[in-house]
Protein backbone atom coordinates (compact mmCIF):
# COMPACT_ATOMS: atom_id res chain seq x y z
CA MET A 1 47.40 5.65 75.24
CA GLY A 2 44.34 6.50 73.19
CA ARG A 3 40.60 5.39 74.06
CA PRO A 4 40.13 1.59 73.10
CA ILE A 5 38.42 1.15 69.98
CA SER A 6 35.13 -0.38 70.56
CA PRO A 7 33.41 -2.47 67.90
CA LEU A 8 30.55 -0.88 65.90
CA PRO A 9 27.13 -2.23 65.92
CA ALA A 10 26.58 -4.85 63.06
CA SER A 11 23.54 -3.37 62.05
CA LEU A 12 25.35 -0.35 60.47
CA GLY A 13 26.88 -2.54 57.70
CA GLU A 14 29.93 -1.39 55.82
CA VAL A 15 29.22 1.96 54.68
CA PHE A 16 26.83 4.32 56.95
CA THR A 17 26.05 7.75 57.89
CA VAL A 18 27.20 9.61 60.85
CA ALA A 19 23.37 10.29 61.88
CA GLU A 20 22.88 6.50 61.54
CA ALA A 21 25.51 5.52 64.04
CA LEU A 22 24.76 8.35 66.31
CA GLU A 23 21.14 6.86 66.59
CA ALA A 24 22.46 3.62 66.99
CA GLY A 25 24.36 5.02 70.23
CA VAL A 26 27.90 5.30 68.80
CA PRO A 27 29.85 8.16 70.60
CA ARG A 28 30.89 10.94 68.47
CA TRP A 29 34.55 10.41 68.96
CA ARG A 30 34.40 6.73 67.83
CA LEU A 31 33.53 7.97 64.16
CA ASP A 32 36.98 9.71 64.03
CA ALA A 33 38.86 6.59 64.86
CA ASP A 34 41.43 5.06 62.51
CA ASP A 35 39.45 1.91 61.33
CA LEU A 36 36.84 4.26 59.52
CA GLU A 37 37.34 6.52 56.67
CA ALA A 38 35.40 9.44 55.55
CA PRO A 39 34.78 8.94 51.91
CA PHE A 40 31.96 12.08 52.06
CA TRP A 41 30.98 14.45 54.53
CA GLY A 42 28.57 12.63 57.12
CA VAL A 43 29.41 9.29 55.66
CA ARG A 44 31.98 6.63 57.24
CA ARG A 45 33.32 3.52 55.64
CA ARG A 46 34.81 0.42 57.58
CA THR A 47 38.65 0.58 56.30
CA ALA A 48 39.20 -3.05 57.51
CA SER A 49 36.51 -4.57 55.11
CA THR A 50 37.84 -2.39 52.19
CA GLU A 51 39.86 -4.28 49.70
CA PRO A 52 42.36 -2.47 47.35
CA LEU A 53 40.63 -1.64 43.84
CA GLU A 54 41.62 -3.88 41.34
CA GLY A 55 40.61 -3.25 37.53
CA THR A 56 39.11 0.05 35.77
CA ARG A 57 38.13 3.44 36.86
CA SER A 58 34.69 1.97 36.04
CA GLN A 59 34.90 0.00 39.21
CA ALA A 60 36.49 2.74 41.00
CA LEU A 61 33.51 4.82 40.23
CA ILE A 62 31.09 2.25 41.25
CA ALA A 63 32.81 1.83 44.79
CA ARG A 64 32.20 5.75 45.20
CA MET A 65 28.64 5.34 44.47
CA HIS A 66 28.34 2.61 47.22
CA ASP A 67 30.07 5.14 49.71
CA LEU A 68 27.64 8.26 48.77
CA ALA A 69 24.77 6.08 48.72
CA PRO A 70 23.82 5.95 52.07
CA ALA A 71 23.65 9.83 52.73
CA LEU A 72 21.52 10.47 49.80
CA PRO A 73 17.80 11.64 50.31
CA SER A 74 15.32 8.73 49.05
CA PHE A 75 14.54 10.86 45.96
CA ALA A 76 18.01 11.14 44.65
CA PHE A 77 19.72 8.68 42.30
CA PHE A 78 22.70 8.44 40.15
CA SER A 79 22.65 9.16 36.41
CA HIS A 80 24.65 9.67 33.81
CA ALA A 81 28.41 8.58 34.02
CA PRO A 82 27.87 6.75 37.29
CA ALA A 83 24.62 4.84 36.05
CA ALA A 84 26.46 4.04 32.60
CA ALA A 85 29.35 2.47 34.90
CA ALA A 86 26.76 0.56 36.84
CA TRP A 87 24.97 -1.00 33.81
CA GLY A 88 28.55 -1.81 32.31
CA LEU A 89 28.72 0.67 29.57
CA PRO A 90 32.08 1.71 28.11
CA LEU A 91 33.09 5.43 28.42
CA PRO A 92 35.95 7.83 27.81
CA LEU A 93 37.98 7.88 30.89
CA ARG A 94 37.28 11.75 31.94
CA GLU A 95 33.95 10.53 32.48
CA TYR A 96 34.77 8.72 35.72
CA ASP A 97 35.87 11.37 37.46
CA VAL A 98 32.85 12.80 38.92
CA LEU A 99 29.63 11.61 40.27
CA ASP A 100 26.49 12.42 38.47
CA VAL A 101 23.47 12.89 41.26
CA SER A 102 19.95 13.75 39.64
CA VAL A 103 16.44 14.57 41.25
CA ALA A 104 13.34 14.98 39.40
CA ASP A 105 11.27 18.25 39.83
CA PRO A 106 10.40 19.69 42.04
CA HIS A 107 12.80 18.28 44.30
CA ARG A 108 16.08 20.36 45.48
CA THR A 109 19.31 18.99 43.92
CA VAL A 110 21.85 17.41 45.87
CA ARG A 111 24.64 19.69 46.96
CA ARG A 112 28.04 17.82 47.76
CA ARG A 113 31.88 17.99 47.44
CA GLY A 114 32.58 15.51 44.28
CA VAL A 115 29.32 15.63 43.12
CA ARG A 116 27.71 16.86 40.08
CA PRO A 117 24.05 17.90 40.69
CA HIS A 118 21.25 17.39 37.98
CA ARG A 119 17.29 18.32 38.33
CA VAL A 120 15.52 16.54 35.54
CA LYS A 121 11.98 16.31 34.17
CA PRO A 122 10.34 13.43 35.73
CA GLU A 123 9.07 12.13 32.32
CA LEU A 124 12.63 11.93 30.77
CA VAL A 125 13.84 9.32 33.32
CA GLN A 126 12.91 5.98 34.82
CA VAL A 127 14.48 4.87 37.98
CA VAL A 128 15.32 1.69 39.00
CA GLU A 129 17.56 -0.07 41.91
CA HIS A 130 20.45 -2.13 40.28
CA ARG A 131 23.59 -3.38 42.15
CA GLY A 132 21.98 -2.04 45.45
CA LEU A 133 21.81 1.52 43.87
CA ARG A 134 19.18 3.86 42.69
CA ILE A 135 20.06 4.38 39.00
CA THR A 136 18.45 5.57 35.88
CA ASP A 137 17.22 2.70 33.56
CA PRO A 138 19.50 1.58 30.58
CA ALA A 139 17.15 3.66 28.14
CA SER A 140 17.15 6.91 30.23
CA THR A 141 20.90 6.59 30.83
CA TRP A 142 21.96 6.18 27.36
CA ALA A 143 19.95 9.50 26.64
CA GLN A 144 21.46 11.38 29.27
CA LEU A 145 24.89 10.49 27.74
CA ALA A 146 24.06 12.46 24.79
CA THR A 147 24.51 15.97 26.70
CA ARG A 148 28.33 14.42 27.16
CA LEU A 149 29.47 12.22 24.59
CA SER A 150 30.49 12.53 21.04
CA LEU A 151 28.33 10.59 18.29
CA TYR A 152 31.29 7.61 18.32
CA ASP A 153 30.97 7.34 22.02
CA LEU A 154 27.30 7.12 22.16
CA VAL A 155 26.85 4.58 19.47
CA ALA A 156 29.63 2.41 21.50
CA ALA A 157 27.38 2.92 24.73
CA GLY A 158 24.29 2.40 22.76
CA ASP A 159 25.84 -1.00 21.27
CA ALA A 160 26.55 -2.19 24.47
CA LEU A 161 22.88 -1.67 25.55
CA VAL A 162 21.59 -3.82 22.97
CA ARG A 163 24.53 -6.27 22.54
CA VAL A 164 23.63 -9.83 21.73
CA LYS A 165 26.82 -11.61 22.48
CA GLU A 166 27.58 -14.76 20.37
CA SER A 167 30.20 -17.65 20.77
CA ALA A 168 33.74 -16.51 19.83
CA GLY A 169 34.80 -20.01 19.41
CA PRO A 170 35.60 -23.24 21.10
CA TYR A 171 37.91 -20.95 23.64
CA ASP A 172 35.15 -18.71 24.51
CA HIS A 173 33.89 -19.60 27.93
CA SER A 174 32.11 -16.51 28.48
CA THR A 175 28.38 -16.68 29.69
CA PRO A 176 25.67 -15.68 27.25
CA ALA A 177 23.87 -12.57 28.36
CA PRO A 178 20.65 -10.84 27.47
CA PRO A 179 20.88 -7.33 26.15
CA LEU A 180 20.24 -4.75 28.74
CA THR A 181 17.75 -3.06 26.50
CA THR A 182 16.04 -2.81 22.86
CA VAL A 183 16.56 -0.48 20.16
CA ASN A 184 12.67 0.31 20.32
CA ALA A 185 13.17 1.20 24.07
CA LEU A 186 16.24 3.70 23.15
CA ALA A 187 13.82 5.03 20.68
CA ASP A 188 11.24 5.52 23.31
CA ALA A 189 13.31 7.28 25.48
CA ILE A 190 13.99 9.86 22.68
CA SER A 191 10.39 10.59 22.06
CA ARG A 192 10.04 12.18 25.45
CA ARG A 193 11.33 15.40 24.23
CA HIS A 194 14.94 14.81 25.34
CA PRO A 195 17.13 18.19 24.77
CA ARG A 196 19.75 16.40 22.78
CA ALA A 197 17.02 14.45 20.63
CA ALA A 198 18.71 15.20 17.19
CA LEU A 199 21.99 13.56 18.30
CA LEU A 200 19.90 10.59 19.69
CA ARG A 201 18.44 10.32 16.55
CA GLN A 202 21.39 10.35 14.33
CA ALA A 203 23.07 7.54 16.87
CA LEU A 204 20.18 5.02 16.82
CA PRO A 205 20.38 3.79 13.21
CA LEU A 206 24.07 3.19 13.85
CA LEU A 207 23.80 0.87 16.81
CA ARG A 208 24.50 -2.96 16.24
CA THR A 209 23.94 -5.79 18.30
CA ASN A 210 27.13 -7.67 17.42
CA SER A 211 29.79 -5.22 18.23
CA TRP A 212 31.55 -6.19 21.51
CA SER A 213 33.63 -3.28 22.57
CA ARG A 214 34.28 0.20 22.39
CA PRO A 215 37.27 0.38 19.94
CA GLU A 216 35.28 -2.01 17.88
CA SER A 217 32.32 0.37 17.50
CA HIS A 218 34.69 3.43 16.93
CA LEU A 219 36.64 1.40 14.33
CA ARG A 220 33.47 0.63 12.38
CA LEU A 221 32.40 3.93 12.43
CA LEU A 222 35.93 5.35 11.22
CA LEU A 223 35.71 2.86 8.28
CA VAL A 224 32.29 3.66 7.17
CA ASP A 225 33.24 7.55 7.44
CA GLY A 226 36.08 6.99 5.53
CA GLY A 227 34.33 5.49 2.49
CA LEU A 228 34.40 1.98 3.19
CA SER A 229 31.79 -0.45 3.21
CA GLU A 230 30.46 -1.64 6.46
CA PRO A 231 32.65 -4.55 7.76
CA VAL A 232 31.35 -7.72 9.51
CA LEU A 233 31.62 -7.35 12.91
CA ASN A 234 33.35 -10.40 15.09
CA TYR A 235 33.46 -12.98 12.09
CA ASN A 236 34.20 -16.45 12.55
CA ILE A 237 36.73 -17.89 9.96
CA VAL A 238 36.81 -21.55 9.30
CA ASP A 239 39.50 -23.44 7.07
CA GLU A 240 38.40 -25.36 3.67
CA ILE A 241 37.40 -28.66 5.77
CA GLY A 242 34.88 -26.24 8.24
CA ARG A 243 37.23 -26.23 11.07
CA TRP A 244 37.32 -22.86 13.25
CA VAL A 245 40.44 -20.87 12.94
CA LYS A 246 39.57 -17.57 14.72
CA CYS A 247 37.00 -14.97 15.53
CA VAL A 248 38.14 -11.74 14.15
CA ASP A 249 36.91 -8.37 15.37
CA LEU A 250 35.85 -6.92 12.08
CA ALA A 251 36.02 -8.71 8.58
CA TYR A 252 35.62 -8.04 4.82
CA PRO A 253 35.07 -11.59 4.15
CA GLN A 254 34.81 -10.77 0.17
CA TRP A 255 38.24 -9.59 0.07
CA ARG A 256 39.52 -12.17 2.67
CA ILE A 257 40.39 -8.91 5.06
CA ALA A 258 40.64 -9.55 8.65
CA ILE A 259 40.85 -6.72 11.24
CA GLU A 260 42.15 -7.08 14.74
CA TYR A 261 42.36 -4.33 17.47
CA GLN A 262 44.91 -4.94 19.59
CA SER A 263 44.83 -3.54 23.05
CA ALA A 264 47.42 -2.17 25.09
CA TYR A 265 46.95 -4.65 27.64
CA HIS A 266 48.97 -7.52 27.95
CA ARG A 267 47.26 -11.09 27.09
CA GLU A 268 47.90 -14.19 28.89
CA ALA A 269 50.30 -16.46 27.61
CA ALA A 270 48.03 -19.33 26.24
CA GLN A 271 45.91 -16.53 24.42
CA TYR A 272 48.86 -15.04 22.53
CA SER A 273 50.19 -18.55 21.63
CA ARG A 274 46.57 -19.51 20.17
CA ASP A 275 46.68 -15.84 18.22
CA VAL A 276 50.15 -16.04 16.81
CA SER A 277 49.07 -19.97 15.41
CA ALA A 278 45.53 -18.37 14.03
CA LEU A 279 47.12 -15.56 12.23
CA ALA A 280 49.66 -17.88 10.38
CA GLU A 281 46.60 -20.32 9.37
CA LEU A 282 44.94 -17.09 8.19
CA ALA A 283 47.89 -16.42 5.87
CA ARG A 284 47.80 -19.82 4.72
CA LEU A 285 44.04 -19.69 4.04
CA GLY A 286 44.70 -16.37 1.79
CA TRP A 287 43.52 -14.02 4.47
CA TYR A 288 45.27 -10.53 5.26
CA THR A 289 45.31 -9.50 8.69
CA VAL A 290 45.13 -5.46 9.39
CA GLN A 291 46.55 -5.13 12.99
CA LEU A 292 45.53 -1.77 14.50
CA THR A 293 45.99 -0.37 17.71
CA SER A 294 44.57 2.98 19.87
CA THR A 295 46.94 4.96 17.93
CA HIS A 296 44.84 4.12 14.62
CA VAL A 297 41.61 4.37 16.33
CA PHE A 298 41.78 7.30 18.90
CA ALA A 299 45.08 9.38 18.17
CA TYR A 300 45.00 9.45 14.74
CA PRO A 301 41.74 7.94 13.34
CA ASN A 302 42.35 8.73 9.60
CA LEU A 303 44.94 6.13 9.82
CA ALA A 304 42.13 3.42 10.41
CA ALA A 305 40.44 4.04 7.16
CA SER A 306 43.56 4.49 4.76
CA THR A 307 45.26 1.42 6.38
CA VAL A 308 42.52 -0.87 5.96
CA GLY A 309 41.59 0.81 2.50
CA GLU A 310 45.18 -0.06 1.11
CA ALA A 311 44.86 -3.72 2.41
CA ILE A 312 41.55 -4.14 0.26
CA LEU A 313 43.43 -2.62 -2.72
CA ALA A 314 46.12 -5.07 -2.27
CA GLN A 315 43.76 -7.89 -1.92
CA GLN A 316 41.83 -7.14 -4.86
CA LYS A 317 44.92 -7.36 -7.21
CA ARG A 318 46.05 -10.50 -5.55
CA PRO A 319 44.92 -13.57 -7.24
CA LEU A 320 42.82 -15.88 -5.12
CA HIS A 321 44.17 -19.53 -5.15
CA ALA A 322 43.10 -22.49 -3.13
CA PRO A 323 45.07 -22.63 0.21
CA THR A 324 47.44 -25.74 0.26
CA ARG A 325 48.89 -27.34 3.29
CA PRO A 326 52.60 -27.59 3.33
CA GLU A 327 54.03 -31.24 2.80
CA LEU A 328 55.32 -32.78 5.91
CA PRO A 329 58.58 -34.69 5.48
CA ALA A 330 58.40 -38.32 5.14
């Protein structure tokens, strides 16, 4: 039989360093017991309290940040993709694979397995505590992302930062949240002589406060770059007596074109049923709905503008009649 596993001091918390445990009187052999994991060298986590990860790679990255945080020196902070994940910014999936840890001059960088180290000029970043982690503030995070993201993804991240969420109709029960930062604050971050200032200046005027997702941001930019006018974002459509029908992702109201991005995730039954009914009502009102997927936006982006452009041409040729309701049998 092995040694009995003794309880750990409650003062250590869920994640702690080996040094903290030894200082608290925990025997060295106890730190190798089966009820503890070693997510990083010199760090232990209580497995009994660890729940299976549900959700996105972003959540998994945030969990790893909490695992590493106790072992970081006080002057180190999370930056780039980890900071973006903590602020809830959308990123390409590849960005969630590595932990970016920064220090300001003249500190030495943090060298650990699984960590991408950075040393930055102090004037380029502002560091705050958020969700129990030391991370770069929203504006600094956005500026740092310019070293890794394309223009479209940089705009999508900026859209998320300045987003002002409005109601998407009577079925929208989400809680309104203030924007994480302002366009002026982002402009100030650029003015600090950031090394990718040119790309940041290109992205800044393309930001919109009413874009609600990364695909919406990409799609808006694709349509404009494809020669179309800029669509209205998250447009609430009502019927002839002012009754709400649907909030569509993007729209060209002048041509009654509604554009919906259909994600690959399954929707719950009630939402699916509402969408089917709403699309039928839009057709009755003379609206043409263009449904696009990730294939149109990310795999073959030229398809997005061509598909919407063809719909606009079709609607322009179509005579607009006042919508009529079908007569019910007596």
